[in-house]
Amino acid sequence: MFAAENLRDWRGEKVIDPEGDKIGELEAVYVDTATDEPAFVTVKVGMIGRHRLVFAPVTGATVSPSALRVRYAKKLVTEAPSIDLDGELTAADEPALYAHYGLTYQPGMSGERRLGRR
């Protein structure tokens, strides 16, 4: 697992899928609020003037000198729940994000958010 601080150093670098296809550029890291470990990254995708941020899990991700390789296919990532460039993931949208990747979602013990942006 990567430290969130180290992943932040990758902001603006390429995010690629297992086949090496470029998905987009890393924009931010979201940590699991219970563990403070990186859980998702946001990836800037789209065409000029129509960019948006999609979420990709970092579980199983690897780094190379020029890219972060996630373990999910480009098509799955680009179809993931997204936010505007200046948007924020709401607590109500967190379960759908986890479901998109077939991951189990559990809010905090008191119902608090599961993800926090770093």
C-alpha atoms as a PDB file:
ATOM      1  CA  MET A   1       0.000   0.000   0.000  1.00  0.00           C
ATOM      2  CA  PHE A   2       1.186   3.516  -0.757  1.00  0.00           C
ATOM      3  CA  ALA A   3       1.257   6.362   1.724  1.00  0.00           C
ATOM      4  CA  ALA A   4      -1.219   9.093   0.793  1.00  0.00           C
ATOM      5  CA  GLU A   5       1.570  11.659   0.902  1.00  0.00           C
ATOM      6  CA  ASN A   6       3.513   9.742  -1.741  1.00  0.00           C
ATOM      7  CA  LEU A   7       0.511   9.456  -4.049  1.00  0.00           C
ATOM      8  CA  ARG A   8      -0.051  13.220  -3.793  1.00  0.00           C
ATOM      9  CA  ASP A   9       3.420  13.646  -5.288  1.00  0.00           C
ATOM     10  CA  TRP A  10       2.001  11.977  -8.409  1.00  0.00           C
ATOM     11  CA  ARG A  11      -0.573  14.721  -9.043  1.00  0.00           C
ATOM     12  CA  GLY A  12      -0.649  15.463 -12.787  1.00  0.00           C
ATOM     13  CA  GLU A  13       1.030  12.160 -13.685  1.00  0.00           C
ATOM     14  CA  LYS A  14      -0.588   9.561 -15.935  1.00  0.00           C
ATOM     15  CA  VAL A  15      -2.969   6.951 -14.603  1.00  0.00           C
ATOM     16  CA  ILE A  16      -3.002   3.830 -16.762  1.00  0.00           C
ATOM     17  CA  ASP A  17      -4.976   0.588 -16.808  1.00  0.00           C
ATOM     18  CA  PRO A  18      -3.521  -2.946 -16.677  1.00  0.00           C
ATOM     19  CA  GLU A  19      -2.993  -2.918 -20.468  1.00  0.00           C
ATOM     20  CA  GLY A  20      -1.041   0.342 -20.311  1.00  0.00           C
ATOM     21  CA  ASP A  21      -3.826   2.471 -21.821  1.00  0.00           C
ATOM     22  CA  LYS A  22      -3.858   6.004 -20.459  1.00  0.00           C
ATOM     23  CA  ILE A  23      -7.004   6.755 -18.491  1.00  0.00           C
ATOM     24  CA  GLY A  24      -6.125  10.343 -17.542  1.00  0.00           C
ATOM     25  CA  GLU A  25      -4.107  12.364 -15.042  1.00  0.00           C
ATOM     26  CA  LEU A  26      -4.082  11.895 -11.284  1.00  0.00           C
ATOM     27  CA  GLU A  27      -5.808  14.814  -9.572  1.00  0.00           C
ATOM     28  CA  ALA A  28      -6.306  13.908  -5.891  1.00  0.00           C
ATOM     29  CA  VAL A  29      -6.167  11.132  -3.319  1.00  0.00           C
ATOM     30  CA  TYR A  30      -9.135  10.079  -1.179  1.00  0.00           C
ATOM     31  CA  VAL A  31      -8.338   8.215   2.020  1.00  0.00           C
ATOM     32  CA  ASP A  32     -10.446   5.831   4.067  1.00  0.00           C
ATOM     33  CA  THR A  33     -11.361   7.952   7.092  1.00  0.00           C
ATOM     34  CA  ALA A  34     -11.232   4.927   9.410  1.00  0.00           C
ATOM     35  CA  THR A  35      -7.664   3.924   8.511  1.00  0.00           C
ATOM     36  CA  ASP A  36      -6.218   7.070   6.900  1.00  0.00           C
ATOM     37  CA  GLU A  37      -4.975   4.809   4.082  1.00  0.00           C
ATOM     38  CA  PRO A  38      -5.415   5.755   0.394  1.00  0.00           C
ATOM     39  CA  ALA A  39      -8.631   4.257  -0.987  1.00  0.00           C
ATOM     40  CA  PHE A  40      -9.311   6.052  -4.297  1.00  0.00           C
ATOM     41  CA  VAL A  41      -7.694   8.548  -6.614  1.00  0.00           C
ATOM     42  CA  THR A  42      -9.513  10.984  -8.832  1.00  0.00           C
ATOM     43  CA  VAL A  43      -8.486  10.907 -12.467  1.00  0.00           C
ATOM     44  CA  LYS A  44      -8.993  13.866 -14.800  1.00  0.00           C
ATOM     45  CA  VAL A  45     -10.633  12.583 -17.993  1.00  0.00           C
ATOM     46  CA  GLY A  46     -12.478  14.055 -20.970  1.00  0.00           C
ATOM     47  CA  MET A  47     -11.856  16.549 -23.722  1.00  0.00           C
ATOM     48  CA  ILE A  48     -10.731  20.149 -23.392  1.00  0.00           C
ATOM     49  CA  GLY A  49     -13.561  22.172 -21.919  1.00  0.00           C
ATOM     50  CA  ARG A  50     -15.405  19.006 -20.856  1.00  0.00           C
ATOM     51  CA  HIS A  51     -13.081  17.522 -18.249  1.00  0.00           C
ATOM     52  CA  ARG A  52     -14.426  15.693 -15.217  1.00  0.00           C
ATOM     53  CA  LEU A  53     -12.967  13.653 -12.383  1.00  0.00           C
ATOM     54  CA  VAL A  54     -13.633   9.927 -12.099  1.00  0.00           C
ATOM     55  CA  PHE A  55     -12.698   7.716  -9.182  1.00  0.00           C
ATOM     56  CA  ALA A  56     -10.395   4.687  -9.317  1.00  0.00           C
ATOM     57  CA  PRO A  57      -9.536   2.416  -6.367  1.00  0.00           C
ATOM     58  CA  VAL A  58      -5.863   2.256  -5.418  1.00  0.00           C
ATOM     59  CA  THR A  59      -6.029  -1.289  -4.033  1.00  0.00           C
ATOM     60  CA  GLY A  60      -3.625  -3.317  -6.137  1.00  0.00           C
ATOM     61  CA  ALA A  61      -2.222  -0.244  -7.906  1.00  0.00           C
ATOM     62  CA  THR A  62       1.466  -0.109  -8.802  1.00  0.00           C
ATOM     63  CA  VAL A  63       3.777   2.733  -9.723  1.00  0.00           C
ATOM     64  CA  SER A  64       6.292   3.036 -12.520  1.00  0.00           C
ATOM     65  CA  PRO A  65       8.652   5.924 -13.225  1.00  0.00           C
ATOM     66  CA  SER A  66       5.987   7.728 -15.253  1.00  0.00           C
ATOM     67  CA  ALA A  67       2.554   6.422 -14.246  1.00  0.00           C
ATOM     68  CA  LEU A  68       0.247   4.987 -11.637  1.00  0.00           C
ATOM     69  CA  ARG A  69      -1.159   1.681 -12.908  1.00  0.00           C
ATOM     70  CA  VAL A  70      -4.570   0.806 -11.448  1.00  0.00           C
ATOM     71  CA  ARG A  71      -5.930  -2.706 -11.687  1.00  0.00           C
ATOM     72  CA  TYR A  72      -9.179  -1.700 -13.416  1.00  0.00           C
ATOM     73  CA  ALA A  73      -9.809  -1.374 -17.173  1.00  0.00           C
ATOM     74  CA  LYS A  74     -10.012   2.083 -18.705  1.00  0.00           C
ATOM     75  CA  LYS A  75     -13.649   1.596 -19.736  1.00  0.00           C
ATOM     76  CA  LEU A  76     -14.717   0.688 -16.186  1.00  0.00           C
ATOM     77  CA  VAL A  77     -12.863   3.670 -14.710  1.00  0.00           C
ATOM     78  CA  THR A  78     -14.191   6.189 -17.239  1.00  0.00           C
ATOM     79  CA  GLU A  79     -17.742   4.963 -16.548  1.00  0.00           C
ATOM     80  CA  ALA A  80     -17.307   5.331 -12.768  1.00  0.00           C
ATOM     81  CA  PRO A  81     -19.202   7.966 -10.790  1.00  0.00           C
ATOM     82  CA  SER A  82     -17.685  11.369 -11.474  1.00  0.00           C
ATOM     83  CA  ILE A  83     -17.619  14.927 -10.203  1.00  0.00           C
ATOM     84  CA  ASP A  84     -16.876  18.282 -11.809  1.00  0.00           C
ATOM     85  CA  LEU A  85     -13.293  19.568 -11.636  1.00  0.00           C
ATOM     86  CA  ASP A  86     -14.284  21.833  -8.754  1.00  0.00           C
ATOM     87  CA  GLY A  87     -16.812  19.352  -7.353  1.00  0.00           C
ATOM     88  CA  GLU A  88     -16.810  17.201  -4.277  1.00  0.00           C
ATOM     89  CA  LEU A  89     -17.963  13.635  -3.679  1.00  0.00           C
ATOM     90  CA  THR A  90     -20.992  13.718  -1.395  1.00  0.00           C
ATOM     91  CA  ALA A  91     -21.554  11.209   1.391  1.00  0.00           C
ATOM     92  CA  ALA A  92     -24.731  10.073  -0.404  1.00  0.00           C
ATOM     93  CA  ASP A  93     -22.674   9.176  -3.518  1.00  0.00           C
ATOM     94  CA  GLU A  94     -20.106   7.038  -1.715  1.00  0.00           C
ATOM     95  CA  PRO A  95     -22.131   3.766  -1.768  1.00  0.00           C
ATOM     96  CA  ALA A  96     -22.636   3.995  -5.561  1.00  0.00           C
ATOM     97  CA  LEU A  97     -18.905   4.502  -6.063  1.00  0.00           C
ATOM     98  CA  TYR A  98     -18.044   1.359  -4.118  1.00  0.00           C
ATOM     99  CA  ALA A  99     -20.828  -0.593  -5.867  1.00  0.00           C
ATOM    100  CA  HIS A 100     -19.485   0.421  -9.304  1.00  0.00           C
ATOM    101  CA  TYR A 101     -16.293  -1.494  -8.553  1.00  0.00           C
ATOM    102  CA  GLY A 102     -18.009  -4.353  -6.706  1.00  0.00           C
ATOM    103  CA  LEU A 103     -16.486  -3.254  -3.406  1.00  0.00           C
ATOM    104  CA  THR A 104     -18.185  -3.476  -0.025  1.00  0.00           C
ATOM    105  CA  TYR A 105     -19.224  -0.134   1.419  1.00  0.00           C
ATOM    106  CA  GLN A 106     -19.509   0.440   5.151  1.00  0.00           C
ATOM    107  CA  PRO A 107     -19.903   3.904   6.628  1.00  0.00           C
ATOM    108  CA  GLY A 108     -18.111   4.740   9.860  1.00  0.00           C
ATOM    109  CA  MET A 109     -19.402   3.343  13.149  1.00  0.00           C
ATOM    110  CA  SER A 110     -21.450   6.482  13.789  1.00  0.00           C
ATOM    111  CA  GLY A 111     -22.567   6.759  10.153  1.00  0.00           C
ATOM    112  CA  GLU A 112     -19.810   9.189   9.202  1.00  0.00           C
ATOM    113  CA  ARG A 113     -18.286   9.453   5.754  1.00  0.00           C
ATOM    114  CA  ARG A 114     -15.974   6.738   4.553  1.00  0.00           C
ATOM    115  CA  LEU A 115     -13.812   8.870   2.224  1.00  0.00           C
ATOM    116  CA  GLY A 116     -11.905  12.094   2.755  1.00  0.00           C
ATOM    117  CA  ARG A 117      -9.910  14.057   0.186  1.00  0.00           C
ATOM    118  CA  ARG A 118      -6.227  14.697   0.791  1.00  0.00           C
END
